[in-house]
Amino acid sequence: MEKKSSNADYTITSALFTDFYELTMAQGYWKAGMNKKVVFDMFFRKNPFNGGFSILAGNETLMDIICNFRFSEEDIAYLKEQNIFEQGFLDYLKDFKFTGDLYTMDEGTVIFPQEPLIRIHANLIEAQILEGLVLNHVNFQSLIATKTSRIWLASKRAPIMEFGLRRAQGPDGAMSATRASYIGGAAGTSNTLAGKQYGIPVMGTMAHSWIMSHSSELEAFREYANIYPQNSVFLIDTYDTLKSGIKNAIIAGGELVKKGYNFGVRLDSGDIDYLTREVRKELDKAGFPQAKISVSNELTEEIITTLVARGAPIDSWGVGTHMVTGGNESSFTGVYKLSARHDAATGNMIPAMKFSDNPAKTTNPGIKNVFRLYDSNGMACADILALDGEKIEEGKEYRYYHPMVDYRQFTFTAAKVEPLLKKRLENGQRTSERLPDSEQLKLSRETMQKQLYTFDESYKRILNPHIYKVSLSEDLMNLKKDFIQKNIK
């Protein structure tokens, strides 16, 4: 029986979860005897949402699946029906499993374009078949984690409730989005299954239908307060926010306060800036300054930024659609490219490089690591791509180069140097014991929060952020220039 990870009920472990051309290429490699050792990098080309940073997510669930990625008997039978694969190759796939090594940054890491987020060392067939799986998991969850972190920062790190289940792209999209949004800074979710699976706090009180199903708004509030006295947040915009909603909430809430409880109110429509100010006045006038105000309704980081800047008295935010779908940007620009291959003539791994008329699509060759450089105040100042085996020492000055324009360069002496890529799979198995889902998710979320504090506010602006330096070491720049000179005629 196939071994399953703890979250296998919500993921796909069939190795058919790949693009068909990966399998046709794999058969080609098999027939030609080309199943040599290779290295692939997964990186992305630009920050989404015109932002200044991104957040890595999805690589932990990815590793779960890689460790269990197999072709079942039914999968092999399906491939045979396509009348394109030889029996010998199908026999090879029957025993397929990932036997290579995987290096990755910690989930929750603040990331930037061109940096290898994942580095895979494997034979060519294994590495090729994994491409779609790697990109599917990391691209979507990184998009949602990045979107959520922007919303969280826009709110000045206030509680954000993820309410996106009904707008997410299918069941798996909802589960993945909830997981990624928690990494990105959401305080909780309305997705009860995700709460159970990942240990995320579940949140939510009532919808308009609760009020509409009662004979009056006040009766609806009182009934809810009677059942849930410790968790009463009244939805006050079903009929008229100021003429009835807040007035009835104050009556029902006042009765709760006399019993030793507190209450809150939520608005889901209307002019949020104006209404929250008026609601706050009413609550304070009634003697309830401790009552919290929550808002929802198609919120984005831009709307939240504006409301916070104007001083709207909002204590927490419910965000759904624009958080779990990516809003105005539907995809993350992650790609998966060959960076090194085994050379039979020398017996060594040699660099590989993709060329393009578009300089941004020209890749950086060789087996690489990423180093984050900090100043004496503990602030991140630059990320450096360097060849594997290179050392960047603390307290020593080095010159670094722009990835595409070699005359743009700078020197820097780092007070602290942090290598970001770590070996997490060796011979197809985890190098350390897998944490339970809830513990891993909390750790990933803490990584995001701690790292964001090490970046200057200019990189985290919602609009027109400063561009963070991602540069090449001198050795890597020289290798790249040498490739270009030898191959461009």
Protein backbone atom coordinates (compact mmCIF):
# COMPACT_ATOMS: atom_id res chain seq x y z
CA MET A 1 0.00 0.00 0.00
CA GLU A 2 1.30 3.46 -0.92
CA LYS A 3 2.68 5.40 2.01
CA LYS A 4 0.95 8.72 2.49
CA SER A 5 2.02 11.90 4.23
CA SER A 6 -0.22 13.42 6.89
CA ASN A 7 -1.79 15.82 4.41
CA ALA A 8 -2.13 13.32 1.56
CA ASP A 9 -5.94 13.50 1.68
CA TYR A 10 -5.69 17.01 0.21
CA THR A 11 -2.80 16.50 -2.23
CA ILE A 12 -1.91 14.49 -5.33
CA THR A 13 0.87 11.90 -5.13
CA SER A 14 0.38 10.35 -8.58
CA ALA A 15 3.39 11.05 -10.80
CA LEU A 16 0.91 11.63 -13.64
CA PHE A 17 0.66 15.12 -12.12
CA THR A 18 3.12 16.43 -14.70
CA ASP A 19 2.92 17.95 -18.17
CA PHE A 20 2.70 15.28 -20.87
CA TYR A 21 5.80 16.55 -22.66
CA GLU A 22 7.84 15.83 -19.54
CA LEU A 23 7.04 12.15 -20.07
CA THR A 24 7.75 12.19 -23.80
CA MET A 25 11.11 13.86 -23.09
CA ALA A 26 11.75 11.34 -20.29
CA GLN A 27 11.24 8.47 -22.70
CA GLY A 28 13.59 10.20 -25.12
CA TYR A 29 16.29 10.46 -22.47
CA TRP A 30 15.75 6.80 -21.55
CA LYS A 31 16.01 5.57 -25.15
CA ALA A 32 19.09 7.70 -25.85
CA GLY A 33 20.84 6.65 -22.65
CA MET A 34 20.92 10.26 -21.46
CA ASN A 35 19.71 9.78 -17.91
CA LYS A 36 22.71 11.63 -16.48
CA LYS A 37 23.10 13.69 -13.33
CA VAL A 38 21.75 17.24 -13.58
CA VAL A 39 20.95 20.25 -11.42
CA PHE A 40 17.77 22.33 -11.84
CA ASP A 41 17.00 25.69 -10.22
CA MET A 42 13.51 26.90 -9.38
CA PHE A 43 13.41 30.73 -9.27
CA PHE A 44 11.05 33.53 -10.24
CA ARG A 45 11.44 36.53 -12.52
CA LYS A 46 9.53 39.41 -10.90
CA ASN A 47 7.74 40.28 -7.68
CA PRO A 48 3.95 40.14 -8.05
CA PHE A 49 1.66 43.13 -7.43
CA ASN A 50 4.46 45.58 -8.41
CA GLY A 51 5.83 44.87 -4.96
CA GLY A 52 9.29 44.98 -3.48
CA PHE A 53 9.45 41.44 -2.06
CA SER A 54 7.82 38.02 -2.08
CA ILE A 55 7.30 35.24 0.47
CA LEU A 56 8.28 31.61 -0.17
CA ALA A 57 5.53 29.08 0.57
CA GLY A 58 4.55 25.60 -0.55
CA ASN A 59 7.99 23.99 -0.47
CA GLU A 60 7.20 22.04 2.70
CA THR A 61 4.10 20.41 1.20
CA LEU A 62 6.09 19.90 -2.01
CA MET A 63 8.66 17.79 -0.17
CA ASP A 64 5.91 15.63 1.32
CA ILE A 65 4.69 14.80 -2.16
CA ILE A 66 8.13 14.28 -3.72
CA CYS A 67 8.87 11.63 -1.08
CA ASN A 68 5.70 9.76 -2.15
CA PHE A 69 5.55 10.57 -5.88
CA ARG A 70 4.86 7.29 -7.74
CA PHE A 71 3.22 5.77 -10.82
CA SER A 72 0.49 3.34 -9.74
CA GLU A 73 -0.53 0.30 -11.80
CA GLU A 74 -3.51 2.31 -13.05
CA ASP A 75 -1.21 5.18 -14.03
CA ILE A 76 1.01 2.84 -16.05
CA ALA A 77 -2.04 1.32 -17.74
CA TYR A 78 -3.27 4.78 -18.68
CA LEU A 79 0.09 5.69 -20.21
CA LYS A 80 0.13 2.44 -22.17
CA GLU A 81 -3.25 3.37 -23.68
CA GLN A 82 -1.69 6.50 -25.20
CA ASN A 83 0.22 4.27 -27.66
CA ILE A 84 3.35 6.40 -27.48
CA PHE A 85 5.40 4.79 -24.73
CA GLU A 86 7.48 1.63 -25.09
CA GLN A 87 7.01 -1.23 -22.65
CA GLY A 88 10.60 -0.95 -21.47
CA PHE A 89 10.08 2.67 -20.49
CA LEU A 90 6.79 1.84 -18.76
CA ASP A 91 8.61 -0.86 -16.80
CA TYR A 92 11.14 1.79 -15.76
CA LEU A 93 8.31 4.04 -14.53
CA LYS A 94 6.83 1.23 -12.41
CA ASP A 95 9.77 1.62 -10.04
CA PHE A 96 10.01 5.40 -10.37
CA LYS A 97 10.74 7.43 -7.25
CA PHE A 98 12.81 10.50 -6.50
CA THR A 99 16.29 9.42 -5.41
CA GLY A 100 18.05 12.78 -5.62
CA ASP A 101 18.80 15.69 -3.30
CA LEU A 102 16.80 18.87 -2.79
CA TYR A 103 18.05 22.16 -1.39
CA THR A 104 15.61 24.91 -0.49
CA MET A 105 15.23 28.07 1.54
CA ASP A 106 13.15 27.93 4.70
CA GLU A 107 9.43 28.28 4.08
CA GLY A 108 8.39 31.83 4.97
CA THR A 109 11.67 33.31 3.72
CA VAL A 110 11.51 36.78 2.16
CA ILE A 111 12.59 36.18 -1.45
CA PHE A 112 13.51 38.14 -4.56
CA PRO A 113 13.70 37.59 -8.34
CA GLN A 114 16.48 35.47 -9.87
CA GLU A 115 17.33 33.67 -6.62
CA PRO A 116 17.27 29.85 -6.64
CA LEU A 117 14.51 29.04 -4.15
CA ILE A 118 14.87 25.30 -4.75
CA ARG A 119 17.84 23.43 -6.20
CA ILE A 120 17.36 19.84 -7.29
CA HIS A 121 20.21 17.37 -7.88
CA ALA A 122 18.95 14.20 -9.58
CA ASN A 123 19.12 12.12 -12.71
CA LEU A 124 17.62 13.84 -15.72
CA ILE A 125 14.39 11.83 -15.88
CA GLU A 126 13.55 12.33 -12.21
CA ALA A 127 14.33 16.04 -12.32
CA GLN A 128 12.31 16.54 -15.51
CA ILE A 129 9.19 14.77 -14.27
CA LEU A 130 9.18 16.90 -11.10
CA GLU A 131 9.02 20.24 -12.95
CA GLY A 132 5.25 20.70 -12.99
CA LEU A 133 4.88 19.54 -9.40
CA VAL A 134 7.53 21.97 -8.14
CA LEU A 135 6.10 24.96 -9.98
CA ASN A 136 2.47 24.19 -9.16
CA HIS A 137 3.07 24.02 -5.42
CA VAL A 138 5.52 26.86 -4.96
CA ASN A 139 4.05 29.32 -7.45
CA PHE A 140 0.51 29.33 -6.07
CA GLN A 141 1.29 29.27 -2.37
CA SER A 142 4.04 31.90 -2.75
CA LEU A 143 1.60 34.16 -4.61
CA ILE A 144 -0.98 33.90 -1.82
CA ALA A 145 1.55 34.22 1.01
CA THR A 146 2.96 37.33 -0.67
CA LYS A 147 -0.49 38.85 -1.15
CA THR A 148 -1.39 38.20 2.47
CA SER A 149 1.83 39.70 3.81
CA ARG A 150 1.12 42.87 1.82
CA ILE A 151 -2.37 43.04 3.34
CA TRP A 152 -0.96 42.37 6.81
CA LEU A 153 1.64 45.12 6.44
CA ALA A 154 -0.97 47.52 5.03
CA SER A 155 -3.06 46.99 8.17
CA LYS A 156 -0.03 47.85 10.35
CA ARG A 157 0.10 44.20 11.43
CA ALA A 158 -3.47 44.13 12.74
CA PRO A 159 -5.41 40.83 12.94
CA ILE A 160 -6.38 39.62 9.44
CA MET A 161 -9.11 37.00 9.07
CA GLU A 162 -8.99 34.89 5.90
CA PHE A 163 -12.55 34.45 4.60
CA GLY A 164 -11.80 33.14 1.10
CA LEU A 165 -13.06 29.55 0.98
CA ARG A 166 -16.11 30.31 -1.19
CA ARG A 167 -14.07 32.32 -3.72
CA ALA A 168 -11.00 30.06 -3.95
CA GLN A 169 -10.20 28.02 -7.06
CA GLY A 170 -11.67 24.70 -6.03
CA PRO A 171 -11.19 22.60 -2.89
CA ASP A 172 -7.42 22.19 -3.22
CA GLY A 173 -7.09 25.87 -4.03
CA ALA A 174 -8.99 26.70 -0.85
CA MET A 175 -6.82 24.46 1.32
CA SER A 176 -3.56 25.68 -0.23
CA ALA A 177 -4.65 29.32 -0.06
CA THR A 178 -5.59 29.06 3.61
CA ARG A 179 -2.25 27.45 4.40
CA ALA A 180 -0.31 30.09 2.45
CA SER A 181 -2.30 33.01 3.84
CA TYR A 182 -1.47 31.92 7.39
CA ILE A 183 2.23 31.88 6.50
CA GLY A 184 1.76 35.36 5.03
CA GLY A 185 0.32 36.82 8.23
CA ALA A 186 -3.38 35.96 8.50
CA ALA A 187 -4.42 35.44 12.12
CA GLY A 188 -7.06 32.83 11.33
CA THR A 189 -9.43 31.38 8.77
CA SER A 190 -13.08 30.59 8.16
CA ASN A 191 -12.00 27.32 6.48
CA THR A 192 -12.81 24.76 9.18
CA LEU A 193 -11.12 21.83 7.45
CA ALA A 194 -7.90 23.79 7.03
CA GLY A 195 -8.15 24.78 10.68
CA LYS A 196 -8.26 21.10 11.64
CA GLN A 197 -5.54 20.02 9.22
CA TYR A 198 -3.03 22.79 9.84
CA GLY A 199 -3.84 23.95 13.36
CA ILE A 200 -4.87 27.41 12.16
CA PRO A 201 -7.29 29.33 14.44
CA VAL A 202 -10.82 29.24 12.99
CA MET A 203 -12.89 32.41 13.07
CA GLY A 204 -16.36 33.60 12.19
CA THR A 205 -19.65 34.44 13.86
CA MET A 206 -22.71 35.18 11.74
CA ALA A 207 -23.94 36.03 8.24
CA HIS A 208 -26.81 38.25 7.15
CA SER A 209 -29.04 35.17 6.91
CA TRP A 210 -28.87 34.76 10.71
CA ILE A 211 -30.38 38.21 11.21
CA MET A 212 -32.89 37.80 8.37
CA SER A 213 -34.14 34.46 9.74
CA HIS A 214 -35.26 36.09 13.01
CA SER A 215 -38.31 38.27 13.53
CA SER A 216 -36.12 41.29 14.34
CA GLU A 217 -32.50 42.37 14.29
CA LEU A 218 -32.45 42.82 18.05
CA GLU A 219 -33.84 39.31 18.58
CA ALA A 220 -31.11 37.90 16.28
CA PHE A 221 -28.39 39.66 18.25
CA ARG A 222 -29.81 38.64 21.62
CA GLU A 223 -30.21 35.01 20.56
CA TYR A 224 -26.64 34.83 19.30
CA ALA A 225 -25.32 36.50 22.45
CA ASN A 226 -27.24 34.00 24.56
CA ILE A 227 -25.67 31.05 22.72
CA TYR A 228 -22.16 32.47 22.28
CA PRO A 229 -21.62 35.07 25.02
CA GLN A 230 -17.83 34.85 24.78
CA ASN A 231 -17.70 35.28 21.01
CA SER A 232 -20.35 37.78 19.97
CA VAL A 233 -19.50 39.99 17.00
CA PHE A 234 -22.71 41.48 15.64
CA LEU A 235 -23.09 42.04 11.89
CA ILE A 236 -24.73 45.46 11.81
CA ASP A 237 -25.31 46.29 8.13
CA THR A 238 -28.19 43.91 7.26
CA TYR A 239 -30.81 46.67 7.28
CA ASP A 240 -29.35 50.06 8.21
CA THR A 241 -25.98 50.33 9.92
CA LEU A 242 -26.53 53.59 11.79
CA LYS A 243 -30.32 53.71 12.24
CA SER A 244 -30.78 50.16 13.50
CA GLY A 245 -27.66 47.98 13.35
CA ILE A 246 -25.40 49.76 15.79
CA LYS A 247 -28.32 50.71 18.07
CA ASN A 248 -29.45 47.09 18.43
CA ALA A 249 -25.85 45.92 18.83
CA ILE A 250 -25.41 48.36 21.72
CA ILE A 251 -28.55 47.03 23.42
CA ALA A 252 -27.55 43.36 23.02
CA GLY A 253 -23.93 44.14 23.73
CA GLY A 254 -24.79 46.13 26.82
CA GLU A 255 -26.65 43.14 28.20
CA LEU A 256 -23.56 41.02 27.60
CA VAL A 257 -21.29 43.52 29.34
CA LYS A 258 -23.52 43.41 32.44
CA LYS A 259 -22.89 39.64 32.52
CA GLY A 260 -19.13 40.18 32.38
CA TYR A 261 -18.55 39.63 28.66
CA ASN A 262 -17.47 41.89 25.83
CA PHE A 263 -18.73 42.23 22.26
CA GLY A 264 -17.77 43.56 18.86
CA VAL A 265 -19.41 44.64 15.62
CA ARG A 266 -18.70 43.98 11.94
CA LEU A 267 -19.49 45.96 8.81
CA ASP A 268 -19.63 44.23 5.43
CA SER A 269 -20.81 47.03 3.14
CA GLY A 270 -21.08 50.76 2.64
CA ASP A 271 -18.62 53.60 3.11
CA ILE A 272 -16.25 51.90 5.54
CA ASP A 273 -14.32 55.06 6.42
CA TYR A 274 -17.45 57.07 7.28
CA LEU A 275 -19.41 54.26 8.90
CA THR A 276 -16.64 53.02 11.20
CA ARG A 277 -16.12 56.56 12.50
CA GLU A 278 -19.83 56.95 13.23
CA VAL A 279 -20.04 53.48 14.79
CA ARG A 280 -17.03 54.23 16.99
CA LYS A 281 -18.72 57.42 18.18
CA GLU A 282 -21.89 55.51 19.08
CA LEU A 283 -19.99 52.79 20.93
CA ASP A 284 -17.93 55.29 22.90
CA LYS A 285 -20.98 57.43 23.70
CA ALA A 286 -22.74 54.34 25.02
CA GLY A 287 -19.80 53.60 27.30
CA PHE A 288 -18.24 50.73 25.34
CA PRO A 289 -14.77 51.91 24.23
CA GLN A 290 -13.55 48.32 24.57
CA ALA A 291 -15.93 47.06 21.84
CA LYS A 292 -13.99 46.17 18.69
CA ILE A 293 -14.86 47.04 15.11
CA SER A 294 -14.18 44.57 12.30
CA VAL A 295 -14.73 45.18 8.58
CA SER A 296 -14.89 43.07 5.43
CA ASN A 297 -16.18 43.41 1.82
CA GLU A 298 -13.75 43.06 -1.13
CA LEU A 299 -10.82 44.55 0.75
CA THR A 300 -7.40 44.97 -0.89
CA GLU A 301 -4.08 46.18 0.45
CA GLU A 302 -4.63 49.51 -1.33
CA ILE A 303 -8.03 50.03 0.32
CA ILE A 304 -6.64 49.02 3.71
CA THR A 305 -3.64 51.33 3.29
CA THR A 306 -5.98 54.25 2.58
CA LEU A 307 -8.25 53.50 5.53
CA VAL A 308 -5.31 53.12 7.92
CA ALA A 309 -3.73 56.34 6.65
CA ARG A 310 -7.00 58.19 7.24
CA GLY A 311 -7.19 56.84 10.78
CA ALA A 312 -10.37 54.80 10.38
CA PRO A 313 -11.07 53.16 13.78
CA ILE A 314 -10.81 49.53 12.61
CA ASP A 315 -9.47 46.80 14.88
CA SER A 316 -9.46 43.78 12.55
CA TRP A 317 -10.02 42.94 8.90
CA GLY A 318 -11.80 40.11 7.10
CA VAL A 319 -10.36 39.51 3.65
CA GLY A 320 -11.47 36.84 1.19
CA THR A 321 -11.49 37.15 -2.58
CA HIS A 322 -8.43 39.29 -3.14
CA MET A 323 -6.34 37.33 -0.65
CA VAL A 324 -6.95 33.76 -1.81
CA THR A 325 -7.08 34.38 -5.57
CA GLY A 326 -4.16 36.78 -5.91
CA GLY A 327 -6.51 39.64 -6.76
CA ASN A 328 -5.22 41.63 -9.72
CA GLU A 329 -2.34 39.20 -10.38
CA SER A 330 -3.29 35.59 -10.95
CA SER A 331 0.09 33.86 -11.06
CA PHE A 332 3.61 33.82 -9.67
CA THR A 333 6.41 33.91 -12.24
CA GLY A 334 8.37 30.90 -11.02
CA VAL A 335 10.35 28.88 -13.58
CA TYR A 336 12.45 25.70 -13.49
CA LYS A 337 15.71 25.73 -15.45
CA LEU A 338 18.69 23.43 -15.97
CA SER A 339 21.81 24.97 -14.42
CA ALA A 340 24.38 22.14 -14.54
CA ARG A 341 24.83 18.69 -16.12
CA HIS A 342 27.23 15.79 -15.96
CA ASP A 343 29.95 15.75 -18.64
CA ALA A 344 30.92 12.22 -19.63
CA ALA A 345 34.26 13.36 -21.08
CA THR A 346 35.53 14.88 -17.85
CA GLY A 347 33.36 13.11 -15.30
CA ASN A 348 32.51 16.49 -13.78
CA MET A 349 29.37 18.57 -13.41
CA ILE A 350 29.58 21.47 -15.87
CA PRO A 351 27.49 24.68 -15.94
CA ALA A 352 24.48 25.08 -18.24
CA MET A 353 22.89 28.36 -19.28
CA LYS A 354 19.80 29.46 -21.19
CA PHE A 355 20.23 32.42 -23.56
CA SER A 356 17.50 34.81 -24.62
CA ASP A 357 17.01 38.00 -26.60
CA ASN A 358 15.38 39.24 -23.43
CA PRO A 359 18.22 39.70 -20.87
CA ALA A 360 15.79 39.05 -18.00
CA LYS A 361 15.24 35.53 -19.34
CA THR A 362 18.94 34.68 -19.62
CA THR A 363 19.70 32.34 -16.72
CA ASN A 364 22.63 32.28 -14.32
CA PRO A 365 24.80 29.19 -14.93
CA GLY A 366 26.23 26.66 -12.53
CA ILE A 367 25.44 25.21 -9.11
CA LYS A 368 24.68 28.18 -6.88
CA ASN A 369 23.87 29.22 -3.35
CA VAL A 370 22.28 32.44 -2.11
CA PHE A 371 23.79 34.52 0.70
CA ARG A 372 21.96 37.28 2.56
CA LEU A 373 24.21 40.11 3.73
CA TYR A 374 23.38 42.12 6.85
CA ASP A 375 24.82 45.36 8.18
CA SER A 376 25.91 45.99 11.76
CA ASN A 377 22.32 46.92 12.72
CA GLY A 378 21.04 43.52 11.62
CA MET A 379 19.31 44.91 8.53
CA ALA A 380 19.35 42.95 5.26
CA CYS A 381 21.22 44.90 2.58
CA ALA A 382 21.70 42.52 -0.37
CA ASP A 383 21.30 38.92 -1.53
CA ILE A 384 24.25 37.45 -3.41
CA LEU A 385 24.16 34.56 -5.88
CA ALA A 386 27.49 32.74 -5.71
CA LEU A 387 28.87 29.47 -7.07
CA ASP A 388 28.59 26.49 -4.78
CA GLY A 389 31.76 26.28 -2.73
CA GLU A 390 32.41 30.03 -2.77
CA LYS A 391 32.77 31.69 0.60
CA ILE A 392 31.65 35.15 1.60
CA GLU A 393 33.27 36.01 4.90
CA GLU A 394 31.93 38.40 7.49
CA GLY A 395 33.99 41.58 7.92
CA LYS A 396 35.63 41.28 4.51
CA GLU A 397 34.91 43.59 1.56
CA TYR A 398 33.74 42.06 -1.73
CA ARG A 399 32.60 43.47 -5.06
CA TYR A 400 29.22 42.36 -6.41
CA TYR A 401 27.64 42.70 -9.86
CA HIS A 402 24.20 43.37 -11.29
CA PRO A 403 22.81 40.12 -12.82
CA MET A 404 22.20 41.70 -16.24
CA VAL A 405 24.33 44.85 -16.40
CA ASP A 406 27.91 44.14 -15.38
CA TYR A 407 28.96 47.80 -15.14
CA ARG A 408 26.48 48.24 -12.27
CA GLN A 409 28.36 47.01 -9.25
CA PHE A 410 28.99 47.79 -5.60
CA THR A 411 31.29 46.82 -2.75
CA PHE A 412 30.07 45.79 0.68
CA THR A 413 31.45 44.50 3.95
CA ALA A 414 28.87 42.33 5.70
CA ALA A 415 28.58 42.17 9.46
CA LYS A 416 26.64 38.93 9.07
CA VAL A 417 26.39 36.46 6.17
CA GLU A 418 23.53 33.96 6.03
CA PRO A 419 23.44 31.11 3.45
CA LEU A 420 19.81 30.58 2.45
CA LEU A 421 19.75 27.24 0.61
CA LYS A 422 19.80 24.16 2.84
CA LYS A 423 19.76 20.45 1.98
CA ARG A 424 16.34 19.14 2.95
CA LEU A 425 16.10 15.90 0.92
CA GLU A 426 18.97 13.46 0.47
CA ASN A 427 18.57 10.34 -1.67
CA GLY A 428 14.87 11.14 -1.84
CA GLN A 429 14.30 11.30 1.93
CA ARG A 430 14.10 14.17 4.40
CA THR A 431 17.34 15.02 6.14
CA SER A 432 15.47 15.67 9.39
CA GLU A 433 12.21 14.49 10.92
CA ARG A 434 9.10 16.03 9.44
CA LEU A 435 7.29 18.39 11.81
CA PRO A 436 3.53 18.03 12.32
CA ASP A 437 1.53 20.31 10.02
CA SER A 438 0.58 22.75 12.78
CA GLU A 439 4.16 23.12 14.06
CA GLN A 440 5.61 23.55 10.59
CA LEU A 441 3.05 26.18 9.68
CA LYS A 442 3.72 28.20 12.84
CA LEU A 443 7.46 27.99 12.17
CA SER A 444 7.00 29.18 8.57
CA ARG A 445 4.81 32.06 9.76
CA GLU A 446 7.38 33.08 12.39
CA THR A 447 10.12 32.98 9.73
CA MET A 448 8.14 35.43 7.58
CA GLN A 449 7.46 37.80 10.47
CA LYS A 450 11.02 37.80 11.80
CA GLN A 451 12.57 38.29 8.37
CA LEU A 452 10.31 41.16 7.35
CA TYR A 453 11.54 43.10 10.38
CA THR A 454 15.09 42.91 8.99
CA PHE A 455 14.15 44.82 5.82
CA ASP A 456 13.92 48.57 5.59
CA GLU A 457 10.41 49.97 5.23
CA SER A 458 11.26 51.28 1.75
CA TYR A 459 11.34 47.71 0.40
CA LYS A 460 7.93 46.95 1.95
CA ARG A 461 5.98 49.94 0.64
CA ILE A 462 2.72 48.95 -1.03
CA LEU A 463 3.30 51.51 -3.79
CA ASN A 464 6.61 52.23 -5.52
CA PRO A 465 8.86 50.15 -3.27
CA HIS A 466 12.62 50.49 -3.34
CA ILE A 467 14.38 47.72 -5.31
CA TYR A 468 16.36 45.34 -3.13
CA LYS A 469 19.81 44.36 -4.42
CA VAL A 470 20.14 40.83 -5.81
CA SER A 471 23.65 40.57 -7.24
CA LEU A 472 26.26 38.10 -8.48
CA SER A 473 29.61 37.25 -6.97
CA GLU A 474 32.66 38.06 -9.09
CA ASP A 475 33.24 34.39 -9.91
CA LEU A 476 29.65 33.85 -11.04
CA MET A 477 29.68 37.05 -13.09
CA ASN A 478 32.90 35.97 -14.83
CA LEU A 479 31.42 32.54 -15.59
CA LYS A 480 28.29 34.13 -17.05
CA LYS A 481 30.29 36.56 -19.20
CA ASP A 482 32.47 33.72 -20.42
CA PHE A 483 29.40 31.74 -21.48
CA ILE A 484 28.00 34.71 -23.35
CA GLN A 485 31.26 35.45 -25.14
CA LYS A 486 31.69 31.82 -26.25
CA ASN A 487 28.11 31.27 -27.38
CA ILE A 488 26.97 34.59 -28.85
CA LYS A 489 28.32 35.07 -32.38
